[in-house]
PDB file of N, CA and C in Angstrom:
ATOM      1  N   MET A   1       0.702  -1.069   0.419  1.00  0.00           N
ATOM      2  CA  MET A   1       0.265  -0.601  -0.072  1.00  0.00           C
ATOM      3  C   MET A   1       0.853   1.087   0.018  1.00  0.00           C
ATOM      4  N   GLN A   2       0.753   1.589  -0.713  1.00  0.00           N
ATOM      5  CA  GLN A   2       1.544   3.264  -0.674  1.00  0.00           C
ATOM      6  C   GLN A   2       0.735   4.533  -0.421  1.00  0.00           C
ATOM      7  N   PHE A   3       1.053   5.607   0.093  1.00  0.00           N
ATOM      8  CA  PHE A   3       0.450   6.136   0.427  1.00  0.00           C
ATOM      9  C   PHE A   3       0.963   7.428  -0.596  1.00  0.00           C
ATOM     10  N   ASN A   4      -0.384   8.229  -1.041  1.00  0.00           N
ATOM     11  CA  ASN A   4      -0.665   9.480  -2.167  1.00  0.00           C
ATOM     12  C   ASN A   4      -0.567  10.483  -1.757  1.00  0.00           C
ATOM     13  N   TRP A   5      -0.094  11.707  -2.012  1.00  0.00           N
ATOM     14  CA  TRP A   5       0.350  13.234  -1.263  1.00  0.00           C
ATOM     15  C   TRP A   5      -0.575  13.920  -2.646  1.00  0.00           C
ATOM     16  N   ASP A   6      -1.215  13.423  -3.306  1.00  0.00           N
ATOM     17  CA  ASP A   6      -2.352  14.142  -4.282  1.00  0.00           C
ATOM     18  C   ASP A   6      -3.198  15.084  -3.377  1.00  0.00           C
ATOM     19  N   ILE A   7      -2.972  16.490  -3.874  1.00  0.00           N
ATOM     20  CA  ILE A   7      -4.550  16.556  -3.076  1.00  0.00           C
ATOM     21  C   ILE A   7      -5.319  17.172  -4.066  1.00  0.00           C
ATOM     22  N   ASN A   8      -6.767  16.387  -3.964  1.00  0.00           N
ATOM     23  CA  ASN A   8      -7.407  16.946  -5.214  1.00  0.00           C
ATOM     24  C   ASN A   8      -8.659  17.623  -4.055  1.00  0.00           C
ATOM     25  N   LEU A   9      -9.960  18.066  -5.483  1.00  0.00           N
ATOM     26  CA  LEU A   9     -10.914  19.040  -4.657  1.00  0.00           C
ATOM     27  C   LEU A   9     -11.539  18.212  -3.778  1.00  0.00           C
ATOM     28  N   SER A  10     -11.737  17.450  -3.812  1.00  0.00           N
ATOM     29  CA  SER A  10     -12.796  17.023  -1.710  1.00  0.00           C
ATOM     30  C   SER A  10     -11.950  17.092  -0.801  1.00  0.00           C
ATOM     31  N   THR A  11     -10.459  16.605  -1.178  1.00  0.00           N
ATOM     32  CA  THR A  11      -9.519  16.870   0.368  1.00  0.00           C
ATOM     33  C   THR A  11      -9.430  18.257   0.591  1.00  0.00           C
ATOM     34  N   ILE A  12      -8.878  19.162  -0.081  1.00  0.00           N
ATOM     35  CA  ILE A  12      -9.613  20.520   0.460  1.00  0.00           C
ATOM     36  C   ILE A  12     -10.921  21.424   0.900  1.00  0.00           C
ATOM     37  N   PHE A  13     -11.748  20.581  -0.013  1.00  0.00           N
ATOM     38  CA  PHE A  13     -13.073  20.755   0.566  1.00  0.00           C
ATOM     39  C   PHE A  13     -13.635  19.951   2.541  1.00  0.00           C
ATOM     40  N   MET A  14     -12.751  19.073   2.113  1.00  0.00           N
ATOM     41  CA  MET A  14     -12.717  18.322   3.823  1.00  0.00           C
ATOM     42  C   MET A  14     -11.994  19.425   4.779  1.00  0.00           C
ATOM     43  N   ILE A  15     -10.612  19.773   4.306  1.00  0.00           N
ATOM     44  CA  ILE A  15      -9.847  20.170   5.194  1.00  0.00           C
ATOM     45  C   ILE A  15     -10.665  21.601   5.250  1.00  0.00           C
ATOM     46  N   GLY A  16     -11.284  22.687   5.036  1.00  0.00           N
ATOM     47  CA  GLY A  16     -11.767  23.832   4.670  1.00  0.00           C
ATOM     48  C   GLY A  16     -13.176  23.742   5.389  1.00  0.00           C
ATOM     49  N   ALA A  17     -13.995  23.139   5.103  1.00  0.00           N
ATOM     50  CA  ALA A  17     -14.917  22.222   6.441  1.00  0.00           C
ATOM     51  C   ALA A  17     -14.530  22.337   7.387  1.00  0.00           C
ATOM     52  N   SER A  18     -13.735  21.783   8.095  1.00  0.00           N
ATOM     53  CA  SER A  18     -12.956  21.013   9.492  1.00  0.00           C
ATOM     54  C   SER A  18     -12.891  22.283  10.074  1.00  0.00           C
ATOM     55  N   ALA A  19     -11.812  22.930   9.021  1.00  0.00           N
ATOM     56  CA  ALA A  19     -11.420  24.820   9.753  1.00  0.00           C
ATOM     57  C   ALA A  19     -12.288  25.248  10.267  1.00  0.00           C
ATOM     58  N   LEU A  20     -13.522  25.557   9.115  1.00  0.00           N
ATOM     59  CA  LEU A  20     -14.953  26.057   9.363  1.00  0.00           C
ATOM     60  C   LEU A  20     -15.324  25.670  10.629  1.00  0.00           C
ATOM     61  N   ALA A  21     -15.583  24.702  10.840  1.00  0.00           N
ATOM     62  CA  ALA A  21     -15.910  23.952  12.114  1.00  0.00           C
ATOM     63  C   ALA A  21     -15.410  24.327  13.060  1.00  0.00           C
ATOM     64  N   LEU A  22     -14.076  24.258  13.308  1.00  0.00           N
ATOM     65  CA  LEU A  22     -13.263  24.582  13.923  1.00  0.00           C
ATOM     66  C   LEU A  22     -13.683  26.145  14.684  1.00  0.00           C
ATOM     67  N   ILE A  23     -13.486  27.339  13.711  1.00  0.00           N
ATOM     68  CA  ILE A  23     -13.757  28.524  14.102  1.00  0.00           C
ATOM     69  C   ILE A  23     -14.932  28.611  14.488  1.00  0.00           C
ATOM     70  N   ARG A  24     -16.037  27.955  13.930  1.00  0.00           N
ATOM     71  CA  ARG A  24     -17.314  28.087  14.175  1.00  0.00           C
ATOM     72  C   ARG A  24     -17.361  27.832  16.195  1.00  0.00           C
ATOM     73  N   PHE A  25     -16.507  26.735  15.999  1.00  0.00           N
ATOM     74  CA  PHE A  25     -17.005  26.190  17.655  1.00  0.00           C
ATOM     75  C   PHE A  25     -15.938  26.811  18.517  1.00  0.00           C
ATOM     76  N   TRP A  26     -15.374  27.539  17.839  1.00  0.00           N
ATOM     77  CA  TRP A  26     -14.351  28.256  18.959  1.00  0.00           C
ATOM     78  C   TRP A  26     -15.025  30.104  19.363  1.00  0.00           C
ATOM     79  N   ILE A  27     -15.790  30.263  18.174  1.00  0.00           N
ATOM     80  CA  ILE A  27     -16.461  31.775  18.078  1.00  0.00           C
ATOM     81  C   ILE A  27     -17.694  31.151  19.192  1.00  0.00           C
ATOM     82  N   GLN A  28     -18.186  30.249  19.246  1.00  0.00           N
ATOM     83  CA  GLN A  28     -19.973  30.174  19.817  1.00  0.00           C
ATOM     84  C   GLN A  28     -19.211  29.850  21.471  1.00  0.00           C
ATOM     85  N   ALA A  29     -17.702  28.848  21.743  1.00  0.00           N
ATOM     86  CA  ALA A  29     -17.397  28.639  22.939  1.00  0.00           C
ATOM     87  C   ALA A  29     -17.369  30.170  23.603  1.00  0.00           C
ATOM     88  N   GLU A  30     -16.519  31.003  22.753  1.00  0.00           N
ATOM     89  CA  GLU A  30     -16.102  32.133  23.565  1.00  0.00           C
ATOM     90  C   GLU A  30     -17.408  33.047  23.868  1.00  0.00           C
ATOM     91  N   GLN A  31     -18.648  33.221  23.220  1.00  0.00           N
ATOM     92  CA  GLN A  31     -19.561  34.485  22.944  1.00  0.00           C
ATOM     93  C   GLN A  31     -20.286  33.372  24.377  1.00  0.00           C
ATOM     94  N   LYS A  32     -20.484  31.657  24.187  1.00  0.00           N
ATOM     95  CA  LYS A  32     -21.340  31.308  25.758  1.00  0.00           C
ATOM     96  C   LYS A  32     -20.323  31.701  27.116  1.00  0.00           C
ATOM     97  N   ALA A  33     -18.696  31.807  26.945  1.00  0.00           N
ATOM     98  CA  ALA A  33     -18.338  32.159  28.192  1.00  0.00           C
ATOM     99  C   ALA A  33     -18.083  33.803  28.794  1.00  0.00           C
ATOM    100  N   ASN A  34     -18.339  34.322  27.592  1.00  0.00           N
ATOM    101  CA  ASN A  34     -19.073  36.063  27.802  1.00  0.00           C
ATOM    102  C   ASN A  34     -20.451  35.901  28.569  1.00  0.00           C
ATOM    103  N   GLN A  35     -21.115  35.524  27.731  1.00  0.00           N
ATOM    104  CA  GLN A  35     -22.731  35.368  28.867  1.00  0.00           C
ATOM    105  C   GLN A  35     -23.049  35.090  29.631  1.00  0.00           C
ATOM    106  N   ALA A  36     -21.628  33.997  30.062  1.00  0.00           N
ATOM    107  CA  ALA A  36     -21.894  33.309  31.874  1.00  0.00           C
ATOM    108  C   ALA A  36     -21.149  34.303  32.013  1.00  0.00           C
ATOM    109  N   GLU A  37     -20.078  35.087  32.290  1.00  0.00           N
ATOM    110  CA  GLU A  37     -19.480  35.575  32.903  1.00  0.00           C
ATOM    111  C   GLU A  37     -20.002  36.847  33.249  1.00  0.00           C
ATOM    112  N   LYS A  38     -21.035  37.672  32.053  1.00  0.00           N
ATOM    113  CA  LYS A  38     -22.005  38.274  32.252  1.00  0.00           C
ATOM    114  C   LYS A  38     -22.840  38.415  33.350  1.00  0.00           C
ATOM    115  N   ARG A  39     -23.954  36.443  33.074  1.00  0.00           N
ATOM    116  CA  ARG A  39     -24.409  36.716  34.132  1.00  0.00           C
ATOM    117  C   ARG A  39     -24.154  36.726  35.507  1.00  0.00           C
ATOM    118  N   ALA A  40     -23.228  35.747  35.506  1.00  0.00           N
ATOM    119  CA  ALA A  40     -22.310  35.543  36.749  1.00  0.00           C
ATOM    120  C   ALA A  40     -21.762  37.170  37.673  1.00  0.00           C
ATOM    121  N   ILE A  41     -21.253  38.300  36.656  1.00  0.00           N
ATOM    122  CA  ILE A  41     -21.424  39.681  37.324  1.00  0.00           C
ATOM    123  C   ILE A  41     -22.681  39.831  37.985  1.00  0.00           C
ATOM    124  N   ILE A  42     -23.628  39.963  36.997  1.00  0.00           N
ATOM    125  CA  ILE A  42     -24.829  40.320  37.916  1.00  0.00           C
ATOM    126  C   ILE A  42     -25.832  39.180  38.907  1.00  0.00           C
ATOM    127  N   ALA A  43     -25.211  37.997  38.911  1.00  0.00           N
ATOM    128  CA  ALA A  43     -25.402  37.260  40.029  1.00  0.00           C
ATOM    129  C   ALA A  43     -25.143  37.782  40.865  1.00  0.00           C
ATOM    130  N   GLU A  44     -23.706  38.485  41.165  1.00  0.00           N
ATOM    131  CA  GLU A  44     -23.084  38.423  42.166  1.00  0.00           C
ATOM    132  C   GLU A  44     -23.437  40.046  42.574  1.00  0.00           C
ATOM    133  N   GLU A  45     -23.735  40.886  41.909  1.00  0.00           N
ATOM    134  CA  GLU A  45     -24.665  41.851  42.133  1.00  0.00           C
ATOM    135  C   GLU A  45     -25.878  41.758  43.131  1.00  0.00           C
ATOM    136  N   LYS A  46     -26.280  40.762  42.747  1.00  0.00           N
ATOM    137  CA  LYS A  46     -27.635  40.615  43.243  1.00  0.00           C
ATOM    138  C   LYS A  46     -27.661  40.505  44.713  1.00  0.00           C
ATOM    139  N   ALA A  47     -26.797  39.228  44.498  1.00  0.00           N
ATOM    140  CA  ALA A  47     -26.007  38.422  45.849  1.00  0.00           C
ATOM    141  C   ALA A  47     -25.765  39.843  47.300  1.00  0.00           C
ATOM    142  N   ASP A  48     -25.192  40.586  46.757  1.00  0.00           N
ATOM    143  CA  ASP A  48     -24.614  41.562  47.278  1.00  0.00           C
ATOM    144  C   ASP A  48     -25.927  42.301  47.852  1.00  0.00           C
ATOM    145  N   LYS A  49     -26.390  42.588  47.080  1.00  0.00           N
ATOM    146  CA  LYS A  49     -27.812  43.323  47.808  1.00  0.00           C
ATOM    147  C   LYS A  49     -28.345  42.505  48.523  1.00  0.00           C
ATOM    148  N   ALA A  50     -28.808  40.926  48.429  1.00  0.00           N
ATOM    149  CA  ALA A  50     -29.584  40.515  49.371  1.00  0.00           C
ATOM    150  C   ALA A  50     -28.657  40.389  50.480  1.00  0.00           C
ATOM    151  N   HIS A  51     -27.729  40.241  50.411  1.00  0.00           N
ATOM    152  CA  HIS A  51     -26.930  40.248  51.450  1.00  0.00           C
ATOM    153  C   HIS A  51     -26.594  41.552  52.469  1.00  0.00           C
ATOM    154  N   GLU A  52     -27.236  42.618  51.765  1.00  0.00           N
ATOM    155  CA  GLU A  52     -27.321  44.399  51.884  1.00  0.00           C
ATOM    156  C   GLU A  52     -28.720  44.238  53.115  1.00  0.00           C
ATOM    157  N   LYS A  53     -29.618  43.405  52.366  1.00  0.00           N
ATOM    158  CA  LYS A  53     -31.033  43.611  52.910  1.00  0.00           C
ATOM    159  C   LYS A  53     -30.995  42.697  53.873  1.00  0.00           C
ATOM    160  N   ILE A  54     -30.067  41.249  54.015  1.00  0.00           N
ATOM    161  CA  ILE A  54     -30.050  40.308  55.085  1.00  0.00           C
ATOM    162  C   ILE A  54     -29.751  41.337  56.376  1.00  0.00           C
ATOM    163  N   ALA A  55     -28.645  42.124  56.520  1.00  0.00           N
ATOM    164  CA  ALA A  55     -27.931  42.385  57.123  1.00  0.00           C
ATOM    165  C   ALA A  55     -28.793  43.885  57.817  1.00  0.00           C
ATOM    166  N   ILE A  56     -29.578  44.628  57.162  1.00  0.00           N
ATOM    167  CA  ILE A  56     -30.564  44.755  57.643  1.00  0.00           C
ATOM    168  C   ILE A  56     -31.643  44.234  58.570  1.00  0.00           C
ATOM    169  N   LEU A  57     -32.528  43.495  57.784  1.00  0.00           N
ATOM    170  CA  LEU A  57     -33.453  42.669  58.623  1.00  0.00           C
ATOM    171  C   LEU A  57     -33.259  42.283  60.085  1.00  0.00           C
ATOM    172  N   GLN A  58     -31.551  41.929  59.854  1.00  0.00           N
ATOM    173  CA  GLN A  58     -31.195  41.086  60.976  1.00  0.00           C
ATOM    174  C   GLN A  58     -30.897  42.155  61.954  1.00  0.00           C
ATOM    175  N   ALA A  59     -30.738  43.334  61.801  1.00  0.00           N
ATOM    176  CA  ALA A  59     -30.313  44.522  62.728  1.00  0.00           C
ATOM    177  C   ALA A  59     -32.083  45.127  63.372  1.00  0.00           C
ATOM    178  N   SER A  60     -32.274  45.067  62.217  1.00  0.00           N
ATOM    179  CA  SER A  60     -33.755  45.328  62.882  1.00  0.00           C
ATOM    180  C   SER A  60     -34.889  44.296  63.166  1.00  0.00           C
ATOM    181  N   VAL A  61     -34.589  43.030  63.041  1.00  0.00           N
ATOM    182  CA  VAL A  61     -34.968  42.042  64.527  1.00  0.00           C
ATOM    183  C   VAL A  61     -34.351  42.061  65.828  1.00  0.00           C
ATOM    184  N   ASN A  62     -33.243  42.041  65.590  1.00  0.00           N
ATOM    185  CA  ASN A  62     -31.973  42.465  67.022  1.00  0.00           C
ATOM    186  C   ASN A  62     -32.793  43.080  67.763  1.00  0.00           C
ATOM    187  N   ALA A  63     -32.941  44.613  66.579  1.00  0.00           N
ATOM    188  CA  ALA A  63     -33.543  46.035  67.818  1.00  0.00           C
ATOM    189  C   ALA A  63     -35.058  45.559  68.566  1.00  0.00           C
ATOM    190  N   TYR A  64     -35.697  45.078  67.260  1.00  0.00           N
ATOM    191  CA  TYR A  64     -37.437  44.323  67.843  1.00  0.00           C
ATOM    192  C   TYR A  64     -36.837  43.375  69.723  1.00  0.00           C
ATOM    193  N   GLN A  65     -35.970  42.630  69.465  1.00  0.00           N
ATOM    194  CA  GLN A  65     -35.306  41.610  70.219  1.00  0.00           C
ATOM    195  C   GLN A  65     -35.597  42.504  71.601  1.00  0.00           C
ATOM    196  N   VAL A  66     -34.063  43.613  71.274  1.00  0.00           N
ATOM    197  CA  VAL A  66     -34.145  44.092  72.830  1.00  0.00           C
ATOM    198  C   VAL A  66     -35.390  44.631  73.251  1.00  0.00           C
ATOM    199  N   THR A  67     -35.986  45.277  72.464  1.00  0.00           N
ATOM    200  CA  THR A  67     -37.399  45.918  73.033  1.00  0.00           C
ATOM    201  C   THR A  67     -38.144  45.153  73.275  1.00  0.00           C
ATOM    202  N   GLN A  68     -38.157  44.401  72.374  1.00  0.00           N
ATOM    203  CA  GLN A  68     -39.415  43.461  73.390  1.00  0.00           C
ATOM    204  C   GLN A  68     -38.940  42.578  74.648  1.00  0.00           C
ATOM    205  N   ALA A  69     -37.514  42.369  74.927  1.00  0.00           N
ATOM    206  CA  ALA A  69     -36.907  42.062  75.925  1.00  0.00           C
ATOM    207  C   ALA A  69     -37.211  43.080  77.027  1.00  0.00           C
ATOM    208  N   GLU A  70     -37.023  44.462  76.547  1.00  0.00           N
ATOM    209  CA  GLU A  70     -37.465  45.767  77.455  1.00  0.00           C
ATOM    210  C   GLU A  70     -38.285  45.651  78.055  1.00  0.00           C
ATOM    211  N   ARG A  71     -39.720  45.726  77.387  1.00  0.00           N
ATOM    212  CA  ARG A  71     -41.160  45.553  77.686  1.00  0.00           C
ATOM    213  C   ARG A  71     -40.897  44.295  78.447  1.00  0.00           C
ATOM    214  N   LEU A  72     -40.764  43.277  78.424  1.00  0.00           N
ATOM    215  CA  LEU A  72     -40.660  42.075  79.420  1.00  0.00           C
ATOM    216  C   LEU A  72     -40.378  42.455  80.393  1.00  0.00           C
ATOM    217  N   VAL A  73     -39.031  42.946  80.929  1.00  0.00           N
ATOM    218  CA  VAL A  73     -38.298  43.370  81.978  1.00  0.00           C
ATOM    219  C   VAL A  73     -39.182  44.292  82.679  1.00  0.00           C
ATOM    220  N   SER A  74     -39.737  45.273  81.936  1.00  0.00           N
ATOM    221  CA  SER A  74     -40.748  46.567  81.852  1.00  0.00           C
ATOM    222  C   SER A  74     -41.623  45.739  83.186  1.00  0.00           C
ATOM    223  N   ARG A  75     -42.464  44.937  82.098  1.00  0.00           N
ATOM    224  CA  ARG A  75     -43.758  44.974  83.088  1.00  0.00           C
ATOM    225  C   ARG A  75     -43.335  43.448  84.287  1.00  0.00           C
ATOM    226  N   GLU A  76     -42.090  42.804  84.266  1.00  0.00           N
ATOM    227  CA  GLU A  76     -41.953  41.948  85.530  1.00  0.00           C
ATOM    228  C   GLU A  76     -41.284  42.601  86.596  1.00  0.00           C
ATOM    229  N   VAL A  77     -41.004  44.234  86.626  1.00  0.00           N
ATOM    230  CA  VAL A  77     -40.558  45.050  87.399  1.00  0.00           C
ATOM    231  C   VAL A  77     -41.949  45.395  87.968  1.00  0.00           C
ATOM    232  N   LEU A  78     -43.187  46.137  86.927  1.00  0.00           N
ATOM    233  CA  LEU A  78     -44.546  46.335  87.343  1.00  0.00           C
ATOM    234  C   LEU A  78     -45.053  45.501  88.282  1.00  0.00           C
ATOM    235  N   ARG A  79     -44.821  43.949  87.377  1.00  0.00           N
ATOM    236  CA  ARG A  79     -45.699  43.347  88.367  1.00  0.00           C
ATOM    237  C   ARG A  79     -45.083  43.043  90.012  1.00  0.00           C
ATOM    238  N   GLU A  80     -43.907  43.399  89.930  1.00  0.00           N
ATOM    239  CA  GLU A  80     -43.177  43.040  91.141  1.00  0.00           C
ATOM    240  C   GLU A  80     -43.697  44.171  92.182  1.00  0.00           C
ATOM    241  N   VAL A  81     -43.680  45.420  91.577  1.00  0.00           N
ATOM    242  CA  VAL A  81     -44.234  47.131  92.419  1.00  0.00           C
ATOM    243  C   VAL A  81     -45.569  46.917  92.771  1.00  0.00           C
ATOM    244  N   GLU A  82     -46.434  45.873  91.629  1.00  0.00           N
ATOM    245  CA  GLU A  82     -48.055  45.984  92.374  1.00  0.00           C
ATOM    246  C   GLU A  82     -48.124  45.040  93.067  1.00  0.00           C
ATOM    247  N   GLU A  83     -46.910  43.715  93.019  1.00  0.00           N
ATOM    248  CA  GLU A  83     -47.587  42.816  94.322  1.00  0.00           C
ATOM    249  C   GLU A  83     -47.170  43.334  95.634  1.00  0.00           C
ATOM    250  N   ARG A  84     -45.732  44.363  95.797  1.00  0.00           N
ATOM    251  CA  ARG A  84     -45.416  44.829  96.775  1.00  0.00           C
ATOM    252  C   ARG A  84     -46.349  46.112  96.965  1.00  0.00           C
ATOM    253  N   LEU A  85     -47.218  46.505  96.378  1.00  0.00           N
ATOM    254  CA  LEU A  85     -47.958  48.000  96.730  1.00  0.00           C
ATOM    255  C   LEU A  85     -49.584  47.108  97.568  1.00  0.00           C
ATOM    256  N   SER A  86     -49.732  45.741  96.405  1.00  0.00           N
ATOM    257  CA  SER A  86     -50.554  45.350  97.649  1.00  0.00           C
ATOM    258  C   SER A  86     -50.599  44.221  98.730  1.00  0.00           C
ATOM    259  N   GLY A  87     -49.256  43.967  98.835  1.00  0.00           N
ATOM    260  CA  GLY A  87     -49.352  43.700  99.901  1.00  0.00           C
ATOM    261  C   GLY A  87     -49.034  44.616 100.918  1.00  0.00           C
ATOM    262  N   SER A  88     -48.534  45.967 100.199  1.00  0.00           N
ATOM    263  CA  SER A  88     -48.530  46.451 101.127  1.00  0.00           C
ATOM    264  C   SER A  88     -50.336  46.883 101.896  1.00  0.00           C
ATOM    265  N   ILE A  89     -50.869  47.571 100.885  1.00  0.00           N
ATOM    266  CA  ILE A  89     -51.898  47.741 101.507  1.00  0.00           C
ATOM    267  C   ILE A  89     -53.132  46.630 102.210  1.00  0.00           C
ATOM    268  N   ASP A  90     -52.528  45.306 101.756  1.00  0.00           N
ATOM    269  CA  ASP A  90     -53.678  44.167 102.859  1.00  0.00           C
ATOM    270  C   ASP A  90     -52.612  44.180 104.203  1.00  0.00           C
ATOM    271  N   GLN A  91     -51.690  44.774 104.163  1.00  0.00           N
ATOM    272  CA  GLN A  91     -51.342  44.948 105.718  1.00  0.00           C
ATOM    273  C   GLN A  91     -51.947  45.956 105.899  1.00  0.00           C
ATOM    274  N   LEU A  92     -52.443  46.967 105.289  1.00  0.00           N
ATOM    275  CA  LEU A  92     -52.774  48.400 106.279  1.00  0.00           C
ATOM    276  C   LEU A  92     -54.300  48.202 106.207  1.00  0.00           C
ATOM    277  N   GLY A  93     -54.765  46.761 105.314  1.00  0.00           N
ATOM    278  CA  GLY A  93     -56.222  46.802 105.191  1.00  0.00           C
ATOM    279  C   GLY A  93     -57.003  48.040 106.203  1.00  0.00           C
ATOM    280  N   GLY A  94     -57.315  47.939 107.480  1.00  0.00           N
ATOM    281  CA  GLY A  94     -58.159  48.788 108.412  1.00  0.00           C
ATOM    282  C   GLY A  94     -58.192  49.982 108.078  1.00  0.00           C
ATOM    283  N   ARG A  95     -57.058  50.431 108.417  1.00  0.00           N
ATOM    284  CA  ARG A  95     -56.572  51.985 108.091  1.00  0.00           C
ATOM    285  C   ARG A  95     -57.145  52.526 106.725  1.00  0.00           C
ATOM    286  N   PHE A  96     -56.874  51.620 105.526  1.00  0.00           N
ATOM    287  CA  PHE A  96     -57.786  52.408 103.985  1.00  0.00           C
ATOM    288  C   PHE A  96     -58.813  52.273 103.720  1.00  0.00           C
ATOM    289  N   GLU A  97     -59.269  51.674 104.990  1.00  0.00           N
ATOM    290  CA  GLU A  97     -61.473  50.986 105.089  1.00  0.00           C
ATOM    291  C   GLU A  97     -61.759  52.719 105.462  1.00  0.00           C
ATOM    292  N   LYS A  98     -61.262  52.889 106.619  1.00  0.00           N
ATOM    293  CA  LYS A  98     -61.548  53.490 107.487  1.00  0.00           C
ATOM    294  C   LYS A  98     -61.619  55.349 106.705  1.00  0.00           C
ATOM    295  N   LEU A  99     -59.773  55.386 105.847  1.00  0.00           N
ATOM    296  CA  LEU A  99     -59.709  56.288 104.991  1.00  0.00           C
ATOM    297  C   LEU A  99     -60.945  56.762 104.195  1.00  0.00           C
ATOM    298  N   GLY A 100     -61.195  55.334 103.724  1.00  0.00           N
ATOM    299  CA  GLY A 100     -61.994  55.405 102.329  1.00  0.00           C
ATOM    300  C   GLY A 100     -63.472  56.275 102.881  1.00  0.00           C
ATOM    301  N   GLU A 101     -63.775  55.578 104.124  1.00  0.00           N
ATOM    302  CA  GLU A 101     -65.017  56.120 104.595  1.00  0.00           C
ATOM    303  C   GLU A 101     -65.226  57.453 104.419  1.00  0.00           C
ATOM    304  N   LYS A 102     -63.712  58.033 105.362  1.00  0.00           N
ATOM    305  CA  LYS A 102     -63.834  59.412 105.683  1.00  0.00           C
ATOM    306  C   LYS A 102     -64.262  60.127 104.266  1.00  0.00           C
ATOM    307  N   LEU A 103     -63.616  59.789 103.353  1.00  0.00           N
ATOM    308  CA  LEU A 103     -63.175  60.121 101.801  1.00  0.00           C
ATOM    309  C   LEU A 103     -64.473  60.308 101.522  1.00  0.00           C
ATOM    310  N   ASP A 104     -65.014  59.431 101.935  1.00  0.00           N
ATOM    311  CA  ASP A 104     -66.968  58.905 101.390  1.00  0.00           C
ATOM    312  C   ASP A 104     -67.768  60.076 101.672  1.00  0.00           C
ATOM    313  N   GLY A 105     -67.524  60.467 103.088  1.00  0.00           N
ATOM    314  CA  GLY A 105     -68.336  61.267 104.013  1.00  0.00           C
ATOM    315  C   GLY A 105     -67.728  62.568 103.132  1.00  0.00           C
ATOM    316  N   PHE A 106     -66.403  63.042 102.925  1.00  0.00           N
ATOM    317  CA  PHE A 106     -66.072  64.053 103.044  1.00  0.00           C
ATOM    318  C   PHE A 106     -66.718  64.416 101.468  1.00  0.00           C
ATOM    319  N   VAL A 107     -66.629  63.419 100.083  1.00  0.00           N
ATOM    320  CA  VAL A 107     -67.237  63.726  98.852  1.00  0.00           C
ATOM    321  C   VAL A 107     -69.248  64.351  98.944  1.00  0.00           C
ATOM    322  N   LYS A 108     -69.453  63.646  99.959  1.00  0.00           N
ATOM    323  CA  LYS A 108     -70.764  63.541 100.277  1.00  0.00           C
ATOM    324  C   LYS A 108     -71.161  64.861 101.073  1.00  0.00           C
ATOM    325  N   GLU A 109     -70.488  65.345 101.739  1.00  0.00           N
ATOM    326  CA  GLU A 109     -70.760  66.488 102.414  1.00  0.00           C
ATOM    327  C   GLU A 109     -70.147  67.829 101.342  1.00  0.00           C
ATOM    328  N   LEU A 110     -68.905  67.483 100.738  1.00  0.00           N
ATOM    329  CA  LEU A 110     -68.744  68.684  99.870  1.00  0.00           C
ATOM    330  C   LEU A 110     -70.061  68.950  98.344  1.00  0.00           C
ATOM    331  N   LEU A 111     -70.505  67.751  98.059  1.00  0.00           N
ATOM    332  CA  LEU A 111     -71.534  67.673  97.393  1.00  0.00           C
ATOM    333  C   LEU A 111     -73.073  68.121  97.723  1.00  0.00           C
ATOM    334  N   HIS A 112     -73.251  68.050  99.140  1.00  0.00           N
ATOM    335  CA  HIS A 112     -74.519  68.346  99.790  1.00  0.00           C
ATOM    336  C   HIS A 112     -74.127  70.105 100.318  1.00  0.00           C
ATOM    337  N   HIS A 113     -72.791  70.421 100.441  1.00  0.00           N
ATOM    338  CA  HIS A 113     -72.767  72.060 100.419  1.00  0.00           C
ATOM    339  C   HIS A 113     -72.689  72.756  99.192  1.00  0.00           C
ATOM    340  N   ARG A 114     -72.898  72.090  98.057  1.00  0.00           N
ATOM    341  CA  ARG A 114     -72.644  72.761  96.780  1.00  0.00           C
ATOM    342  C   ARG A 114     -73.607  72.711  96.364  1.00  0.00           C
ATOM    343  N   GLY A 115     -74.380  71.915  96.612  1.00  0.00           N
ATOM    344  CA  GLY A 115     -75.716  71.999  96.220  1.00  0.00           C
ATOM    345  C   GLY A 115     -76.858  72.954  96.660  1.00  0.00           C
ATOM    346  N   GLY A 116     -76.699  72.715  98.052  1.00  0.00           N
ATOM    347  CA  GLY A 116     -77.317  73.335  98.952  1.00  0.00           C
ATOM    348  C   GLY A 116     -77.246  74.753  99.527  1.00  0.00           C
TER     349      GLY A 116
END
């Protein structure tokens, strides 16, 4: 078997078609790579915005939690004061009843004098 170096029209056509196919593939791959790079840049920008929003929301939630904790503490302190005041009133019970009766009498007398 001998190898023939003769180049005919079909050989040139095949080499040209292969070269064009390779060039086309190269161009398409570069275009897809550029599109992917643009998408990646856009995705990074969106991710940065999302992280900013997350940070803002996290700060807001933390502030809300602090506010709620302060309210809870205030309520607990109020309950303690109320319990102490109630206990003091219970201890002084009889004195306050007499004071209440005196105040009622005073109000009735004041209304009686204004009315008549």
